[in-house]
N, C-alpha and C. Protein backbone atom coordinates (compact mmCIF):
# COMPACT_ATOMS: atom_id res chain seq x y z
N MET A 1 -19.98 -4.12 -7.50
CA MET A 1 -20.78 -4.73 -6.46
C MET A 1 -19.94 -5.69 -5.63
N LYS A 2 -19.08 -6.47 -6.30
CA LYS A 2 -18.21 -7.41 -5.60
C LYS A 2 -17.29 -6.66 -4.64
N ALA A 3 -16.77 -5.51 -5.08
CA ALA A 3 -15.87 -4.72 -4.24
C ALA A 3 -16.58 -4.26 -2.97
N ILE A 4 -17.84 -3.87 -3.08
CA ILE A 4 -18.60 -3.42 -1.92
C ILE A 4 -18.80 -4.57 -0.96
N ALA A 5 -19.10 -5.76 -1.48
CA ALA A 5 -19.30 -6.93 -0.63
C ALA A 5 -18.02 -7.27 0.14
N VAL A 6 -16.88 -7.17 -0.52
CA VAL A 6 -15.60 -7.45 0.14
C VAL A 6 -15.36 -6.44 1.25
N LEU A 7 -15.62 -5.16 0.99
CA LEU A 7 -15.41 -4.12 2.00
C LEU A 7 -16.33 -4.31 3.19
N VAL A 8 -17.60 -4.64 2.94
CA VAL A 8 -18.56 -4.85 4.02
C VAL A 8 -18.13 -6.05 4.86
N ALA A 9 -17.76 -7.14 4.21
CA ALA A 9 -17.34 -8.35 4.93
C ALA A 9 -16.10 -8.07 5.77
N MET A 10 -15.13 -7.36 5.20
CA MET A 10 -13.90 -7.07 5.93
C MET A 10 -14.18 -6.12 7.09
N SER A 11 -15.04 -5.14 6.88
CA SER A 11 -15.40 -4.21 7.95
C SER A 11 -16.05 -4.95 9.11
N PHE A 12 -16.96 -5.87 8.80
CA PHE A 12 -17.64 -6.62 9.84
C PHE A 12 -16.65 -7.49 10.60
N ALA A 13 -15.78 -8.18 9.88
CA ALA A 13 -14.81 -9.06 10.52
C ALA A 13 -13.85 -8.28 11.40
N LEU A 14 -13.42 -7.12 10.96
CA LEU A 14 -12.45 -6.35 11.73
C LEU A 14 -13.07 -5.67 12.94
N ALA A 15 -14.33 -5.28 12.84
CA ALA A 15 -14.98 -4.58 13.93
C ALA A 15 -15.48 -5.53 15.01
N CYS A 16 -15.66 -6.81 14.70
CA CYS A 16 -16.24 -7.78 15.62
C CYS A 16 -15.21 -8.78 16.08
N ASP A 17 -14.25 -8.37 16.86
CA ASP A 17 -13.24 -9.26 17.39
C ASP A 17 -13.81 -9.95 18.62
N GLY A 18 -13.99 -11.25 18.56
CA GLY A 18 -14.62 -12.02 19.63
C GLY A 18 -13.87 -11.95 20.95
N ALA A 19 -12.60 -11.65 20.94
CA ALA A 19 -11.82 -11.61 22.17
C ALA A 19 -11.98 -10.28 22.90
N GLY A 20 -12.81 -9.40 22.40
CA GLY A 20 -13.02 -8.11 23.04
C GLY A 20 -11.87 -7.15 22.86
N GLU A 21 -11.04 -7.37 21.87
CA GLU A 21 -9.89 -6.50 21.60
C GLU A 21 -10.39 -5.14 21.13
N ARG A 22 -9.63 -4.11 21.44
CA ARG A 22 -9.97 -2.79 20.92
C ARG A 22 -9.42 -2.67 19.52
N ILE A 23 -10.31 -2.55 18.58
CA ILE A 23 -9.92 -2.42 17.18
C ILE A 23 -10.44 -1.07 16.71
N ALA A 24 -9.59 -0.32 16.03
CA ALA A 24 -9.99 1.02 15.61
C ALA A 24 -9.61 1.26 14.16
N TYR A 25 -10.50 1.93 13.47
CA TYR A 25 -10.13 2.38 12.14
C TYR A 25 -9.05 3.43 12.30
N VAL A 26 -8.02 3.34 11.51
CA VAL A 26 -6.95 4.31 11.58
C VAL A 26 -7.51 5.65 11.12
N GLN A 27 -7.36 6.64 11.94
CA GLN A 27 -7.86 7.97 11.61
C GLN A 27 -6.95 8.63 10.58
N PRO A 28 -7.49 9.47 9.71
CA PRO A 28 -6.63 10.16 8.74
C PRO A 28 -5.46 10.88 9.39
N ALA A 29 -5.62 11.36 10.62
CA ALA A 29 -4.51 12.04 11.30
C ALA A 29 -3.38 11.07 11.63
N ASP A 30 -3.68 9.76 11.73
CA ASP A 30 -2.66 8.76 12.01
C ASP A 30 -1.93 8.30 10.75
N LEU A 31 -2.45 8.63 9.60
CA LEU A 31 -1.84 8.28 8.33
C LEU A 31 -1.07 9.49 7.81
N PRO A 32 -0.11 9.26 6.93
CA PRO A 32 0.63 10.41 6.41
C PRO A 32 -0.28 11.35 5.61
N ALA A 33 -0.04 12.65 5.74
CA ALA A 33 -0.81 13.64 4.97
C ALA A 33 -0.38 13.62 3.51
N GLY A 34 0.85 13.23 3.28
CA GLY A 34 1.39 13.04 1.94
C GLY A 34 2.00 11.66 1.89
N TYR A 35 3.01 11.50 1.07
CA TYR A 35 3.71 10.22 0.98
C TYR A 35 4.99 10.28 1.79
N GLY A 36 5.34 9.17 2.40
CA GLY A 36 6.64 9.01 3.01
C GLY A 36 7.42 8.03 2.15
N VAL A 37 8.53 8.48 1.59
CA VAL A 37 9.34 7.62 0.73
C VAL A 37 10.64 7.34 1.46
N GLY A 38 10.77 6.12 1.95
CA GLY A 38 11.95 5.73 2.70
C GLY A 38 12.96 5.03 1.81
N PRO A 39 13.99 4.47 2.42
CA PRO A 39 15.02 3.79 1.63
C PRO A 39 14.46 2.64 0.79
N SER A 40 13.49 1.89 1.36
CA SER A 40 12.97 0.73 0.63
C SER A 40 11.47 0.54 0.80
N GLU A 41 10.75 1.59 1.20
CA GLU A 41 9.30 1.49 1.31
C GLU A 41 8.64 2.83 1.04
N VAL A 42 7.36 2.76 0.68
CA VAL A 42 6.56 3.96 0.45
C VAL A 42 5.33 3.87 1.35
N CYS A 43 5.05 4.93 2.12
CA CYS A 43 3.86 5.00 2.95
C CYS A 43 2.85 5.89 2.24
N LEU A 44 1.64 5.37 2.06
CA LEU A 44 0.61 6.03 1.26
C LEU A 44 -0.38 6.80 2.12
N PRO A 45 -0.82 7.96 1.63
CA PRO A 45 -1.96 8.62 2.26
C PRO A 45 -3.25 7.92 1.81
N LEU A 46 -4.30 8.12 2.54
CA LEU A 46 -5.59 7.52 2.22
C LEU A 46 -6.15 8.08 0.92
N GLY A 47 -6.59 7.20 0.01
CA GLY A 47 -7.32 7.61 -1.18
C GLY A 47 -6.53 8.18 -2.33
N ARG A 48 -5.21 8.07 -2.33
CA ARG A 48 -4.39 8.62 -3.42
C ARG A 48 -3.71 7.49 -4.18
N VAL A 49 -3.47 7.69 -5.47
CA VAL A 49 -2.90 6.66 -6.34
C VAL A 49 -1.38 6.69 -6.29
N LEU A 50 -0.78 5.54 -6.02
CA LEU A 50 0.66 5.34 -6.12
C LEU A 50 0.90 4.50 -7.37
N LEU A 51 1.70 5.02 -8.31
CA LEU A 51 2.01 4.27 -9.52
C LEU A 51 3.22 3.37 -9.28
N VAL A 52 3.18 2.19 -9.87
CA VAL A 52 4.26 1.22 -9.76
C VAL A 52 4.62 0.79 -11.18
N ARG A 53 5.92 0.84 -11.50
CA ARG A 53 6.38 0.45 -12.83
C ARG A 53 7.42 -0.66 -12.68
N ARG A 54 7.19 -1.74 -13.42
CA ARG A 54 8.14 -2.85 -13.39
C ARG A 54 8.07 -3.63 -14.69
N ASP A 55 9.24 -3.96 -15.23
CA ASP A 55 9.35 -4.75 -16.46
C ASP A 55 8.51 -4.17 -17.59
N GLY A 56 8.49 -2.84 -17.72
CA GLY A 56 7.77 -2.18 -18.79
C GLY A 56 6.26 -2.14 -18.61
N ARG A 57 5.73 -2.57 -17.49
CA ARG A 57 4.29 -2.55 -17.22
C ARG A 57 3.98 -1.52 -16.15
N LEU A 58 2.76 -1.01 -16.17
CA LEU A 58 2.33 0.02 -15.23
C LEU A 58 1.23 -0.53 -14.34
N TYR A 59 1.39 -0.33 -13.05
CA TYR A 59 0.43 -0.78 -12.05
C TYR A 59 0.10 0.39 -11.14
N GLY A 60 -0.90 0.21 -10.29
CA GLY A 60 -1.24 1.26 -9.34
C GLY A 60 -1.82 0.70 -8.06
N LEU A 61 -1.68 1.46 -6.99
CA LEU A 61 -2.23 1.13 -5.68
C LEU A 61 -2.97 2.33 -5.14
N ARG A 62 -4.07 2.09 -4.44
CA ARG A 62 -4.78 3.17 -3.75
C ARG A 62 -5.28 2.61 -2.44
N LEU A 63 -4.85 3.20 -1.33
CA LEU A 63 -5.29 2.77 0.00
C LEU A 63 -6.72 3.24 0.22
N ILE A 64 -7.61 2.28 0.46
CA ILE A 64 -9.03 2.58 0.67
C ILE A 64 -9.34 2.72 2.16
N LYS A 65 -8.77 1.80 2.96
CA LYS A 65 -9.09 1.79 4.38
C LYS A 65 -7.92 1.18 5.15
N ALA A 66 -7.65 1.69 6.34
CA ALA A 66 -6.62 1.14 7.22
C ALA A 66 -7.21 0.95 8.61
N VAL A 67 -6.91 -0.18 9.22
CA VAL A 67 -7.43 -0.53 10.54
C VAL A 67 -6.27 -1.01 11.40
N SER A 68 -6.26 -0.63 12.68
CA SER A 68 -5.17 -1.11 13.54
C SER A 68 -5.72 -1.71 14.82
N ASN A 69 -5.03 -2.72 15.30
CA ASN A 69 -5.26 -3.29 16.62
C ASN A 69 -3.94 -3.08 17.35
N ARG A 70 -3.79 -1.93 17.95
CA ARG A 70 -2.50 -1.55 18.55
C ARG A 70 -2.11 -2.46 19.71
N GLU A 71 -3.10 -3.04 20.41
CA GLU A 71 -2.77 -3.94 21.52
C GLU A 71 -2.03 -5.18 21.03
N LYS A 72 -2.34 -5.62 19.83
CA LYS A 72 -1.69 -6.80 19.26
C LYS A 72 -0.65 -6.43 18.21
N SER A 73 -0.41 -5.15 18.01
CA SER A 73 0.52 -4.69 16.96
C SER A 73 0.15 -5.28 15.61
N ALA A 74 -1.13 -5.27 15.31
CA ALA A 74 -1.62 -5.83 14.05
C ALA A 74 -2.26 -4.71 13.23
N PHE A 75 -2.09 -4.79 11.92
CA PHE A 75 -2.65 -3.80 11.02
C PHE A 75 -3.35 -4.51 9.87
N SER A 76 -4.47 -3.96 9.43
CA SER A 76 -5.17 -4.45 8.25
C SER A 76 -5.41 -3.27 7.33
N ALA A 77 -5.48 -3.55 6.05
CA ALA A 77 -5.76 -2.49 5.08
C ALA A 77 -6.47 -3.07 3.88
N VAL A 78 -7.18 -2.19 3.19
CA VAL A 78 -7.84 -2.56 1.94
C VAL A 78 -7.30 -1.62 0.87
N PHE A 79 -6.86 -2.20 -0.24
CA PHE A 79 -6.29 -1.45 -1.35
C PHE A 79 -7.06 -1.71 -2.64
N ASP A 80 -7.12 -0.71 -3.50
CA ASP A 80 -7.42 -0.93 -4.92
C ASP A 80 -6.08 -1.28 -5.55
N VAL A 81 -5.99 -2.43 -6.21
CA VAL A 81 -4.79 -2.86 -6.91
C VAL A 81 -5.14 -2.86 -8.39
N SER A 82 -4.37 -2.15 -9.19
CA SER A 82 -4.75 -1.93 -10.58
C SER A 82 -3.60 -2.22 -11.54
N THR A 83 -3.96 -2.72 -12.72
CA THR A 83 -3.01 -2.98 -13.80
C THR A 83 -3.47 -2.18 -15.01
N PHE A 84 -2.54 -1.48 -15.65
CA PHE A 84 -2.88 -0.73 -16.86
C PHE A 84 -2.76 -1.65 -18.07
N THR A 85 -3.84 -1.76 -18.84
CA THR A 85 -3.87 -2.59 -20.05
C THR A 85 -4.27 -1.71 -21.23
N ALA A 86 -4.29 -2.29 -22.41
CA ALA A 86 -4.71 -1.56 -23.61
C ALA A 86 -6.14 -1.04 -23.47
N ALA A 87 -6.96 -1.72 -22.70
CA ALA A 87 -8.35 -1.30 -22.50
C ALA A 87 -8.51 -0.29 -21.37
N GLY A 88 -7.43 0.02 -20.66
CA GLY A 88 -7.50 0.96 -19.53
C GLY A 88 -7.10 0.26 -18.24
N TRP A 89 -7.52 0.82 -17.11
CA TRP A 89 -7.16 0.28 -15.81
C TRP A 89 -8.09 -0.87 -15.43
N GLU A 90 -7.51 -2.01 -15.05
CA GLU A 90 -8.27 -3.13 -14.51
C GLU A 90 -7.99 -3.17 -13.02
N THR A 91 -9.01 -2.91 -12.23
CA THR A 91 -8.83 -2.73 -10.79
C THR A 91 -9.60 -3.78 -10.01
N ARG A 92 -8.99 -4.25 -8.94
CA ARG A 92 -9.65 -5.17 -8.01
C ARG A 92 -9.35 -4.70 -6.59
N VAL A 93 -10.16 -5.13 -5.65
CA VAL A 93 -9.98 -4.78 -4.25
C VAL A 93 -9.25 -5.93 -3.57
N GLN A 94 -8.24 -5.59 -2.76
CA GLN A 94 -7.49 -6.62 -2.04
C GLN A 94 -7.25 -6.20 -0.61
N GLY A 95 -7.55 -7.09 0.32
CA GLY A 95 -7.28 -6.85 1.73
C GLY A 95 -5.98 -7.51 2.14
N VAL A 96 -5.27 -6.89 3.07
CA VAL A 96 -4.02 -7.43 3.61
C VAL A 96 -4.02 -7.26 5.12
N GLU A 97 -3.18 -8.06 5.79
CA GLU A 97 -3.10 -7.99 7.24
C GLU A 97 -1.69 -8.30 7.69
N GLU A 98 -1.15 -7.44 8.54
CA GLU A 98 0.16 -7.67 9.14
C GLU A 98 -0.04 -7.99 10.61
N ARG A 99 0.51 -9.12 11.03
CA ARG A 99 0.43 -9.54 12.43
C ARG A 99 1.84 -9.57 13.01
N PRO A 100 1.95 -9.67 14.34
CA PRO A 100 3.29 -9.80 14.93
C PRO A 100 3.97 -11.07 14.41
N LEU A 101 5.27 -11.01 14.26
CA LEU A 101 6.02 -12.17 13.79
C LEU A 101 5.98 -13.29 14.83
N ARG A 102 6.02 -14.52 14.34
CA ARG A 102 6.08 -15.71 15.20
C ARG A 102 7.42 -16.40 14.98
N GLY A 103 7.83 -17.19 15.94
CA GLY A 103 9.05 -17.95 15.79
C GLY A 103 9.98 -17.75 16.96
N VAL A 104 11.19 -18.34 16.85
CA VAL A 104 12.14 -18.34 17.96
C VAL A 104 13.30 -17.38 17.75
N GLY A 105 13.22 -16.51 16.80
CA GLY A 105 14.29 -15.54 16.55
C GLY A 105 14.75 -15.61 15.11
N HIS A 106 15.37 -14.52 14.69
CA HIS A 106 15.85 -14.44 13.30
C HIS A 106 16.91 -15.51 13.08
N PRO A 107 16.93 -16.28 12.06
CA PRO A 107 16.11 -16.22 10.85
C PRO A 107 14.88 -17.12 10.88
N PHE A 108 14.45 -17.52 12.08
CA PHE A 108 13.33 -18.45 12.18
C PHE A 108 12.02 -17.76 12.52
N MET A 109 11.90 -16.48 12.20
CA MET A 109 10.67 -15.73 12.41
C MET A 109 9.86 -15.74 11.12
N PHE A 110 8.54 -15.72 11.24
CA PHE A 110 7.70 -15.70 10.05
C PHE A 110 6.43 -14.91 10.30
N GLN A 111 5.85 -14.40 9.24
CA GLN A 111 4.63 -13.59 9.27
C GLN A 111 3.43 -14.53 9.10
N THR A 112 2.43 -14.42 9.98
CA THR A 112 1.25 -15.26 9.87
C THR A 112 0.10 -14.56 9.15
N GLY A 113 0.21 -13.26 8.95
CA GLY A 113 -0.83 -12.53 8.21
C GLY A 113 -0.55 -12.56 6.72
N ASN A 114 -1.55 -12.24 5.93
CA ASN A 114 -1.37 -12.13 4.48
C ASN A 114 -0.98 -10.70 4.15
N THR A 115 0.31 -10.46 3.92
CA THR A 115 0.81 -9.12 3.65
C THR A 115 1.09 -8.91 2.17
N ARG A 116 0.74 -9.85 1.32
CA ARG A 116 1.12 -9.82 -0.09
C ARG A 116 0.08 -9.09 -0.95
N LEU A 117 0.54 -8.06 -1.65
CA LEU A 117 -0.27 -7.36 -2.65
C LEU A 117 0.20 -7.85 -4.01
N ALA A 118 -0.67 -8.58 -4.71
CA ALA A 118 -0.28 -9.23 -5.96
C ALA A 118 -0.51 -8.33 -7.16
N PHE A 119 0.51 -8.27 -8.03
CA PHE A 119 0.47 -7.51 -9.28
C PHE A 119 0.86 -8.44 -10.41
N GLY A 120 -0.01 -9.28 -10.86
CA GLY A 120 0.33 -10.17 -11.96
C GLY A 120 1.47 -11.11 -11.59
N THR A 121 2.68 -10.84 -12.09
CA THR A 121 3.80 -11.75 -11.90
C THR A 121 4.66 -11.43 -10.67
N PHE A 122 4.34 -10.40 -9.93
CA PHE A 122 5.13 -10.10 -8.73
C PHE A 122 4.23 -9.61 -7.61
N VAL A 123 4.79 -9.58 -6.41
CA VAL A 123 4.04 -9.14 -5.24
C VAL A 123 4.87 -8.11 -4.47
N LEU A 124 4.17 -7.25 -3.74
CA LEU A 124 4.80 -6.32 -2.82
C LEU A 124 4.25 -6.62 -1.43
N SER A 125 5.02 -6.37 -0.40
CA SER A 125 4.59 -6.64 0.97
C SER A 125 4.05 -5.39 1.63
N PHE A 126 2.94 -5.54 2.33
CA PHE A 126 2.32 -4.49 3.11
C PHE A 126 2.99 -4.42 4.47
N HIS A 127 3.17 -3.20 4.97
CA HIS A 127 3.69 -2.96 6.31
C HIS A 127 2.83 -1.87 6.93
N GLY A 128 2.08 -2.20 7.96
CA GLY A 128 1.11 -1.29 8.53
C GLY A 128 1.70 -0.03 9.14
N PRO A 129 0.90 1.03 9.19
CA PRO A 129 -0.51 1.02 8.82
C PRO A 129 -0.79 1.31 7.34
N SER A 130 0.20 1.84 6.57
CA SER A 130 -0.13 2.22 5.19
C SER A 130 1.06 2.11 4.23
N CYS A 131 2.03 1.27 4.53
CA CYS A 131 3.27 1.22 3.73
C CYS A 131 3.37 -0.06 2.91
N VAL A 132 4.13 0.04 1.81
CA VAL A 132 4.46 -1.13 1.00
C VAL A 132 5.97 -1.12 0.75
N ASN A 133 6.57 -2.32 0.75
CA ASN A 133 7.98 -2.44 0.41
C ASN A 133 8.17 -2.18 -1.07
N MET A 134 9.34 -1.67 -1.43
CA MET A 134 9.65 -1.37 -2.83
C MET A 134 10.16 -2.58 -3.60
N SER A 135 10.32 -3.72 -2.95
CA SER A 135 10.81 -4.90 -3.66
C SER A 135 9.90 -6.08 -3.35
N ASP A 136 9.77 -6.97 -4.32
CA ASP A 136 8.91 -8.13 -4.09
C ASP A 136 9.57 -9.16 -3.20
N SER A 137 10.88 -9.11 -3.07
CA SER A 137 11.57 -10.08 -2.20
C SER A 137 11.66 -9.57 -0.77
N GLY A 138 11.33 -8.30 -0.55
CA GLY A 138 11.48 -7.70 0.76
C GLY A 138 12.92 -7.31 1.05
N SER A 139 13.79 -7.55 0.09
CA SER A 139 15.21 -7.25 0.24
C SER A 139 15.49 -5.85 -0.27
N GLU A 140 16.36 -5.14 0.43
CA GLU A 140 16.75 -3.81 -0.01
C GLU A 140 17.64 -3.87 -1.24
N GLN A 141 18.12 -5.06 -1.59
CA GLN A 141 18.99 -5.22 -2.75
C GLN A 141 18.20 -5.28 -4.05
N ASP A 142 16.92 -5.63 -3.98
CA ASP A 142 16.10 -5.77 -5.17
C ASP A 142 15.44 -4.44 -5.50
N GLY A 143 15.90 -3.77 -6.53
CA GLY A 143 15.33 -2.49 -6.90
C GLY A 143 14.70 -2.54 -8.27
N SER A 144 13.97 -3.61 -8.55
CA SER A 144 13.45 -3.82 -9.90
C SER A 144 12.18 -3.02 -10.21
N ALA A 145 11.56 -2.44 -9.21
CA ALA A 145 10.34 -1.66 -9.43
C ALA A 145 10.61 -0.19 -9.13
N SER A 146 9.85 0.69 -9.81
CA SER A 146 9.89 2.14 -9.57
C SER A 146 8.52 2.58 -9.08
N PHE A 147 8.50 3.62 -8.26
CA PHE A 147 7.27 4.10 -7.65
C PHE A 147 7.12 5.59 -7.86
N ALA A 148 5.92 6.03 -8.23
CA ALA A 148 5.65 7.45 -8.41
C ALA A 148 4.43 7.85 -7.58
N PRO A 149 4.64 8.58 -6.50
CA PRO A 149 3.52 9.10 -5.73
C PRO A 149 2.73 10.12 -6.56
N THR A 150 1.43 10.11 -6.45
CA THR A 150 0.60 11.09 -7.15
C THR A 150 -0.46 11.64 -6.20
N GLY A 151 -1.09 12.71 -6.61
CA GLY A 151 -2.19 13.27 -5.86
C GLY A 151 -3.55 12.83 -6.41
N TRP A 152 -3.56 12.06 -7.47
CA TRP A 152 -4.83 11.64 -8.08
C TRP A 152 -5.60 10.72 -7.16
N ARG A 153 -6.92 10.89 -7.16
CA ARG A 153 -7.81 10.09 -6.32
C ARG A 153 -8.40 8.90 -7.07
N SER A 154 -8.24 8.87 -8.37
CA SER A 154 -8.84 7.82 -9.19
C SER A 154 -7.85 7.41 -10.28
N PHE A 155 -7.89 6.15 -10.67
CA PHE A 155 -7.01 5.67 -11.74
C PHE A 155 -7.37 6.33 -13.07
N SER A 156 -8.62 6.71 -13.24
CA SER A 156 -9.03 7.35 -14.50
C SER A 156 -8.39 8.73 -14.67
N GLU A 157 -7.90 9.35 -13.60
CA GLU A 157 -7.26 10.66 -13.67
C GLU A 157 -5.78 10.58 -14.05
N VAL A 158 -5.18 9.40 -13.97
CA VAL A 158 -3.73 9.23 -14.13
C VAL A 158 -3.26 9.65 -15.52
N ASP A 159 -2.21 10.47 -15.54
CA ASP A 159 -1.52 10.88 -16.77
C ASP A 159 -0.03 10.64 -16.54
N VAL A 160 0.50 9.55 -17.11
CA VAL A 160 1.90 9.18 -16.85
C VAL A 160 2.89 10.17 -17.46
N ARG A 161 2.43 11.10 -18.29
CA ARG A 161 3.31 12.11 -18.88
C ARG A 161 3.19 13.46 -18.17
N ALA A 162 2.50 13.49 -17.04
CA ALA A 162 2.28 14.74 -16.31
C ALA A 162 3.60 15.32 -15.80
N ALA A 163 3.71 16.63 -15.89
CA ALA A 163 4.88 17.32 -15.34
C ALA A 163 4.89 17.12 -13.83
N GLY A 164 6.06 16.92 -13.28
CA GLY A 164 6.18 16.77 -11.83
C GLY A 164 6.10 15.34 -11.33
N LEU A 165 5.85 14.40 -12.23
CA LEU A 165 5.80 13.00 -11.82
C LEU A 165 7.23 12.52 -11.59
N ARG A 166 7.53 12.05 -10.39
CA ARG A 166 8.89 11.63 -10.05
C ARG A 166 8.87 10.17 -9.63
N TRP A 167 9.76 9.39 -10.24
CA TRP A 167 9.85 7.96 -9.96
C TRP A 167 10.97 7.69 -8.96
N TYR A 168 10.67 6.84 -7.96
CA TYR A 168 11.63 6.46 -6.93
C TYR A 168 11.92 4.97 -7.01
N ARG A 169 13.19 4.62 -6.71
CA ARG A 169 13.62 3.22 -6.59
C ARG A 169 14.27 3.05 -5.22
N VAL A 170 14.63 1.82 -4.88
CA VAL A 170 15.33 1.59 -3.62
C VAL A 170 16.58 2.46 -3.58
N ASP A 171 16.75 3.21 -2.49
CA ASP A 171 17.92 4.07 -2.27
C ASP A 171 18.16 4.12 -0.77
N LEU A 172 19.18 3.43 -0.30
CA LEU A 172 19.44 3.30 1.13
C LEU A 172 19.80 4.61 1.80
N ASN A 173 20.04 5.66 1.03
CA ASN A 173 20.40 6.96 1.59
C ASN A 173 19.27 7.98 1.52
N ARG A 174 18.04 7.53 1.27
CA ARG A 174 16.93 8.47 1.09
C ARG A 174 15.82 8.23 2.11
N SER A 175 15.26 9.31 2.58
CA SER A 175 14.05 9.29 3.38
C SER A 175 13.44 10.69 3.24
N VAL A 176 12.35 10.78 2.49
CA VAL A 176 11.74 12.09 2.23
C VAL A 176 10.22 12.02 2.43
N ASP A 177 9.67 13.14 2.79
CA ASP A 177 8.22 13.31 2.83
C ASP A 177 7.83 14.09 1.59
N VAL A 178 6.81 13.64 0.89
CA VAL A 178 6.37 14.29 -0.34
C VAL A 178 4.95 14.80 -0.11
N ALA A 179 4.78 16.10 -0.08
CA ALA A 179 3.47 16.72 0.12
C ALA A 179 2.59 16.55 -1.10
N LEU A 180 1.31 16.36 -0.91
CA LEU A 180 0.37 16.19 -2.02
C LEU A 180 0.36 17.40 -2.94
N THR A 181 0.59 18.58 -2.40
CA THR A 181 0.58 19.80 -3.21
C THR A 181 1.74 19.84 -4.20
N GLU A 182 2.78 19.02 -3.98
CA GLU A 182 3.95 18.97 -4.88
C GLU A 182 3.74 17.99 -6.02
N LEU A 183 2.64 17.26 -6.03
CA LEU A 183 2.44 16.15 -6.96
C LEU A 183 1.40 16.45 -8.02
N PRO A 184 1.53 15.80 -9.18
CA PRO A 184 0.47 15.92 -10.18
C PRO A 184 -0.84 15.42 -9.60
N GLY A 185 -1.89 16.18 -9.77
CA GLY A 185 -3.20 15.82 -9.25
C GLY A 185 -3.41 16.17 -7.79
N GLY A 186 -2.38 16.66 -7.13
CA GLY A 186 -2.50 16.99 -5.70
C GLY A 186 -3.16 18.34 -5.51
N ALA A 187 -3.96 18.44 -4.51
CA ALA A 187 -4.63 19.69 -4.21
C ALA A 187 -4.88 19.82 -2.74
């Protein structure tokens, strides 16, 4: 029930921009049909589980909704953020927002939106419309987490021993598209 209230509140806030800005829900055609795995980020398709492994713990992300305000180069998204425990998956809903950077130039630029997706002891940064950085520091040098794209639509479907599950880490020489049909649970 709490998750529904958060989604309704976020939907209302995003759709009712008092400045008359054009705000649009990102259409599925604007999101990747599969996963995009870049050198240091993963772009998620709508409604599919991305597994995250760090320090011997298993986490998951699922993009629920993506919204863009292209006139302001701003993106918002709602994710299911999940932690695997002995009792199963503990999932919560988290909204994030990426806004244009402010400041007078690098290194004095800063993000005013909340782009942080929290996973217990670490965070990953959101990059609109549907991407997350592979490191909690945002640095390409930090490769402490591994990511496994899946075709599963629900955390209850996840089988970490499934054939075809491939884990990715930061790799500055990689940029691949991964079709859902190539993944466990993909159809």
